């Protein structure tokens, strides 16, 4: 039997224990009963950022973006497509740097879009600039 992994609910931020073998079985949160994965990026804010980054046992890919950024808007559909391909083995999330300037500053985000891959609360890889979905998937798989 595989060791349970901690998966943070994107809806209520409760930490759930799910075995790796059950990740593909569309697991639901034990607290709010919503799906733990939706094949769409989740929105990160100051209220859920730390929980999502530090408590998920799966890698978390964060797109640091802003609504006024043309390349960010162009990359958004590719990032959503990458979520469909990478979940449930990787959580994809977006952080609006306009709304969450303190977090962007803490991580030294100087240009957007910037992708940062986190594992067990630590940043393990970073890539600045817009990418297509195939490039995002390849980059994540190379850096997991």
C-alpha atoms as a PDB file:
ATOM      1  CA  UNK A   1       0.000   0.000   0.000  1.00  0.00           C
ATOM      2  CA  UNK A   2       1.334   3.437  -0.882  1.00  0.00           C
ATOM      3  CA  UNK A   3       2.059   6.068   1.732  1.00  0.00           C
ATOM      4  CA  UNK A   4      -0.689   8.721   2.032  1.00  0.00           C
ATOM      5  CA  UNK A   5       0.102  12.142   0.623  1.00  0.00           C
ATOM      6  CA  UNK A   6      -1.167  15.423   2.020  1.00  0.00           C
ATOM      7  CA  UNK A   7      -3.330  17.306  -0.474  1.00  0.00           C
ATOM      8  CA  UNK A   8      -4.689  20.748   0.420  1.00  0.00           C
ATOM      9  CA  UNK A   9      -8.260  21.384  -0.671  1.00  0.00           C
ATOM     10  CA  UNK A  10      -8.438  24.323  -3.114  1.00  0.00           C
ATOM     11  CA  UNK A  11     -11.849  25.289  -1.692  1.00  0.00           C
ATOM     12  CA  UNK A  12     -11.546  25.171   2.123  1.00  0.00           C
ATOM     13  CA  UNK A  13      -7.744  24.687   2.569  1.00  0.00           C
ATOM     14  CA  UNK A  14      -8.239  21.560   4.688  1.00  0.00           C
ATOM     15  CA  UNK A  15      -5.357  19.087   4.495  1.00  0.00           C
ATOM     16  CA  UNK A  16      -6.484  15.678   3.208  1.00  0.00           C
ATOM     17  CA  UNK A  17      -4.606  12.383   3.206  1.00  0.00           C
ATOM     18  CA  UNK A  18      -4.791  10.591  -0.142  1.00  0.00           C
ATOM     19  CA  UNK A  19      -2.762   7.577  -1.216  1.00  0.00           C
ATOM     20  CA  UNK A  20      -0.831   8.035  -4.450  1.00  0.00           C
ATOM     21  CA  UNK A  21      -2.795   5.148  -5.937  1.00  0.00           C
ATOM     22  CA  UNK A  22      -6.052   7.087  -5.343  1.00  0.00           C
ATOM     23  CA  UNK A  23      -4.938  10.451  -6.752  1.00  0.00           C
ATOM     24  CA  UNK A  24      -6.438   9.599 -10.157  1.00  0.00           C
ATOM     25  CA  UNK A  25      -9.778   8.506  -8.626  1.00  0.00           C
ATOM     26  CA  UNK A  26     -11.108  12.097  -8.380  1.00  0.00           C
ATOM     27  CA  UNK A  27     -10.713  12.345  -4.586  1.00  0.00           C
ATOM     28  CA  UNK A  28     -12.933  14.703  -2.615  1.00  0.00           C
ATOM     29  CA  UNK A  29     -12.168  16.803   0.440  1.00  0.00           C
ATOM     30  CA  UNK A  30     -13.115  15.147   3.701  1.00  0.00           C
ATOM     31  CA  UNK A  31     -14.245  18.494   5.137  1.00  0.00           C
ATOM     32  CA  UNK A  32     -16.127  20.348   2.362  1.00  0.00           C
ATOM     33  CA  UNK A  33     -16.642  17.395  -0.026  1.00  0.00           C
ATOM     34  CA  UNK A  34     -15.537  19.367  -3.112  1.00  0.00           C
ATOM     35  CA  UNK A  35     -13.184  17.771  -5.634  1.00  0.00           C
ATOM     36  CA  UNK A  36      -9.517  18.120  -4.671  1.00  0.00           C
ATOM     37  CA  UNK A  37      -8.593  18.504  -8.363  1.00  0.00           C
ATOM     38  CA  UNK A  38     -10.509  20.293 -11.101  1.00  0.00           C
ATOM     39  CA  UNK A  39      -7.924  20.338 -13.923  1.00  0.00           C
ATOM     40  CA  UNK A  40      -7.856  24.144 -13.581  1.00  0.00           C
ATOM     41  CA  UNK A  41      -5.365  26.420 -11.814  1.00  0.00           C
ATOM     42  CA  UNK A  42      -6.412  27.610  -8.370  1.00  0.00           C
ATOM     43  CA  UNK A  43      -6.189  31.237  -7.237  1.00  0.00           C
ATOM     44  CA  UNK A  44      -3.667  31.961  -4.487  1.00  0.00           C
ATOM     45  CA  UNK A  45      -4.024  34.849  -2.051  1.00  0.00           C
ATOM     46  CA  UNK A  46      -2.350  35.862   1.177  1.00  0.00           C
ATOM     47  CA  UNK A  47      -4.933  33.764   3.033  1.00  0.00           C
ATOM     48  CA  UNK A  48      -4.164  30.446   1.306  1.00  0.00           C
ATOM     49  CA  UNK A  49      -0.662  30.808  -0.171  1.00  0.00           C
ATOM     50  CA  UNK A  50       1.333  29.368   2.751  1.00  0.00           C
ATOM     51  CA  UNK A  51      -1.045  26.439   3.292  1.00  0.00           C
ATOM     52  CA  UNK A  52      -1.016  25.475  -0.393  1.00  0.00           C
ATOM     53  CA  UNK A  53       2.772  25.807  -0.751  1.00  0.00           C
ATOM     54  CA  UNK A  54       3.881  24.170   2.500  1.00  0.00           C
ATOM     55  CA  UNK A  55       1.264  21.495   3.188  1.00  0.00           C
ATOM     56  CA  UNK A  56       0.836  19.871  -0.251  1.00  0.00           C
ATOM     57  CA  UNK A  57       3.036  16.813  -0.720  1.00  0.00           C
ATOM     58  CA  UNK A  58       2.717  17.189  -4.487  1.00  0.00           C
ATOM     59  CA  UNK A  59       4.674  19.946  -6.253  1.00  0.00           C
ATOM     60  CA  UNK A  60       2.893  23.285  -6.659  1.00  0.00           C
ATOM     61  CA  UNK A  61       3.528  25.354  -9.793  1.00  0.00           C
ATOM     62  CA  UNK A  62       2.747  29.048  -9.264  1.00  0.00           C
ATOM     63  CA  UNK A  63       2.174  31.490 -12.113  1.00  0.00           C
ATOM     64  CA  UNK A  64       3.039  34.970 -10.821  1.00  0.00           C
ATOM     65  CA  UNK A  65       1.025  37.279 -13.102  1.00  0.00           C
ATOM     66  CA  UNK A  66      -0.835  40.595 -13.300  1.00  0.00           C
ATOM     67  CA  UNK A  67      -4.054  41.573 -15.106  1.00  0.00           C
ATOM     68  CA  UNK A  68      -2.360  44.357 -17.107  1.00  0.00           C
ATOM     69  CA  UNK A  69       0.374  42.043 -18.444  1.00  0.00           C
ATOM     70  CA  UNK A  70      -0.115  41.103 -22.116  1.00  0.00           C
ATOM     71  CA  UNK A  71       2.199  38.034 -22.059  1.00  0.00           C
ATOM     72  CA  UNK A  72       0.424  36.857 -18.866  1.00  0.00           C
ATOM     73  CA  UNK A  73      -2.931  37.008 -20.637  1.00  0.00           C
ATOM     74  CA  UNK A  74      -1.482  35.183 -23.646  1.00  0.00           C
ATOM     75  CA  UNK A  75      -0.065  32.408 -21.433  1.00  0.00           C
ATOM     76  CA  UNK A  76      -3.261  31.895 -19.366  1.00  0.00           C
ATOM     77  CA  UNK A  77      -4.873  29.334 -21.745  1.00  0.00           C
ATOM     78  CA  UNK A  78      -1.583  27.400 -21.972  1.00  0.00           C
ATOM     79  CA  UNK A  79      -1.311  27.351 -18.170  1.00  0.00           C
ATOM     80  CA  UNK A  80      -4.885  26.015 -17.926  1.00  0.00           C
ATOM     81  CA  UNK A  81      -4.075  23.320 -20.495  1.00  0.00           C
ATOM     82  CA  UNK A  82      -0.964  22.387 -18.502  1.00  0.00           C
ATOM     83  CA  UNK A  83      -3.198  21.983 -15.414  1.00  0.00           C
ATOM     84  CA  UNK A  84      -5.324  19.467 -17.325  1.00  0.00           C
ATOM     85  CA  UNK A  85      -2.198  17.525 -18.225  1.00  0.00           C
ATOM     86  CA  UNK A  86      -0.282  17.701 -14.926  1.00  0.00           C
ATOM     87  CA  UNK A  87      -3.006  17.249 -12.284  1.00  0.00           C
ATOM     88  CA  UNK A  88      -3.277  15.343  -9.996  1.00  0.00           C
ATOM     89  CA  UNK A  89       0.500  14.925  -9.737  1.00  0.00           C
ATOM     90  CA  UNK A  90       1.166  18.680  -9.656  1.00  0.00           C
ATOM     91  CA  UNK A  91      -1.067  21.493  -8.324  1.00  0.00           C
ATOM     92  CA  UNK A  92      -1.154  24.544 -10.612  1.00  0.00           C
ATOM     93  CA  UNK A  93      -1.939  27.926  -9.089  1.00  0.00           C
ATOM     94  CA  UNK A  94      -1.977  31.592 -10.048  1.00  0.00           C
ATOM     95  CA  UNK A  95      -0.968  34.526  -7.850  1.00  0.00           C
ATOM     96  CA  UNK A  96      -1.995  38.038  -8.924  1.00  0.00           C
ATOM     97  CA  UNK A  97       1.078  40.154  -8.127  1.00  0.00           C
ATOM     98  CA  UNK A  98      -1.006  43.357  -8.158  1.00  0.00           C
ATOM     99  CA  UNK A  99      -3.210  42.077  -5.335  1.00  0.00           C
ATOM    100  CA  UNK A 100      -0.469  40.215  -3.471  1.00  0.00           C
ATOM    101  CA  UNK A 101       2.530  42.539  -3.735  1.00  0.00           C
ATOM    102  CA  UNK A 102       4.014  41.407  -0.411  1.00  0.00           C
ATOM    103  CA  UNK A 103       4.238  37.777  -1.543  1.00  0.00           C
ATOM    104  CA  UNK A 104       5.643  38.782  -4.937  1.00  0.00           C
ATOM    105  CA  UNK A 105       8.237  40.911  -3.154  1.00  0.00           C
ATOM    106  CA  UNK A 106       9.113  38.130  -0.723  1.00  0.00           C
ATOM    107  CA  UNK A 107       9.962  35.861  -3.655  1.00  0.00           C
ATOM    108  CA  UNK A 108      11.774  38.571  -5.605  1.00  0.00           C
ATOM    109  CA  UNK A 109       9.454  38.508  -8.592  1.00  0.00           C
ATOM    110  CA  UNK A 110      10.947  41.090 -10.961  1.00  0.00           C
ATOM    111  CA  UNK A 111       9.254  40.205 -14.243  1.00  0.00           C
ATOM    112  CA  UNK A 112       5.972  38.575 -15.125  1.00  0.00           C
ATOM    113  CA  UNK A 113       4.875  36.071 -16.004  1.00  0.00           C
ATOM    114  CA  UNK A 114       7.188  34.049 -13.789  1.00  0.00           C
ATOM    115  CA  UNK A 115       6.636  30.383 -13.030  1.00  0.00           C
ATOM    116  CA  UNK A 116       7.971  29.036  -9.742  1.00  0.00           C
ATOM    117  CA  UNK A 117       7.859  25.366  -8.805  1.00  0.00           C
ATOM    118  CA  UNK A 118       7.588  24.588  -5.094  1.00  0.00           C
ATOM    119  CA  UNK A 119       8.159  21.263  -3.370  1.00  0.00           C
ATOM    120  CA  UNK A 120       7.602  20.832   0.374  1.00  0.00           C
ATOM    121  CA  UNK A 121       7.445  24.594   0.845  1.00  0.00           C
ATOM    122  CA  UNK A 122      10.703  25.354  -0.958  1.00  0.00           C
ATOM    123  CA  UNK A 123      11.168  26.841  -4.405  1.00  0.00           C
ATOM    124  CA  UNK A 124      13.000  24.297  -6.549  1.00  0.00           C
ATOM    125  CA  UNK A 125      12.875  25.956 -10.001  1.00  0.00           C
ATOM    126  CA  UNK A 126      11.953  29.273 -11.635  1.00  0.00           C
ATOM    127  CA  UNK A 127      11.301  30.357 -15.212  1.00  0.00           C
ATOM    128  CA  UNK A 128      10.500  33.888 -16.375  1.00  0.00           C
ATOM    129  CA  UNK A 129       8.571  34.603 -19.562  1.00  0.00           C
ATOM    130  CA  UNK A 130       5.499  33.235 -21.302  1.00  0.00           C
ATOM    131  CA  UNK A 131       5.500  29.581 -22.342  1.00  0.00           C
ATOM    132  CA  UNK A 132       3.195  27.279 -24.291  1.00  0.00           C
ATOM    133  CA  UNK A 133       1.455  24.374 -22.580  1.00  0.00           C
ATOM    134  CA  UNK A 134       3.834  21.722 -23.953  1.00  0.00           C
ATOM    135  CA  UNK A 135       6.830  23.758 -22.758  1.00  0.00           C
ATOM    136  CA  UNK A 136       5.264  24.229 -19.302  1.00  0.00           C
ATOM    137  CA  UNK A 137       4.618  20.485 -18.981  1.00  0.00           C
ATOM    138  CA  UNK A 138       8.151  19.603 -20.128  1.00  0.00           C
ATOM    139  CA  UNK A 139       9.726  22.169 -17.799  1.00  0.00           C
ATOM    140  CA  UNK A 140       7.745  20.907 -14.784  1.00  0.00           C
ATOM    141  CA  UNK A 141       8.542  17.267 -15.529  1.00  0.00           C
ATOM    142  CA  UNK A 142      12.244  18.111 -15.864  1.00  0.00           C
ATOM    143  CA  UNK A 143      12.270  19.979 -12.522  1.00  0.00           C
ATOM    144  CA  UNK A 144       9.980  17.854 -10.328  1.00  0.00           C
END
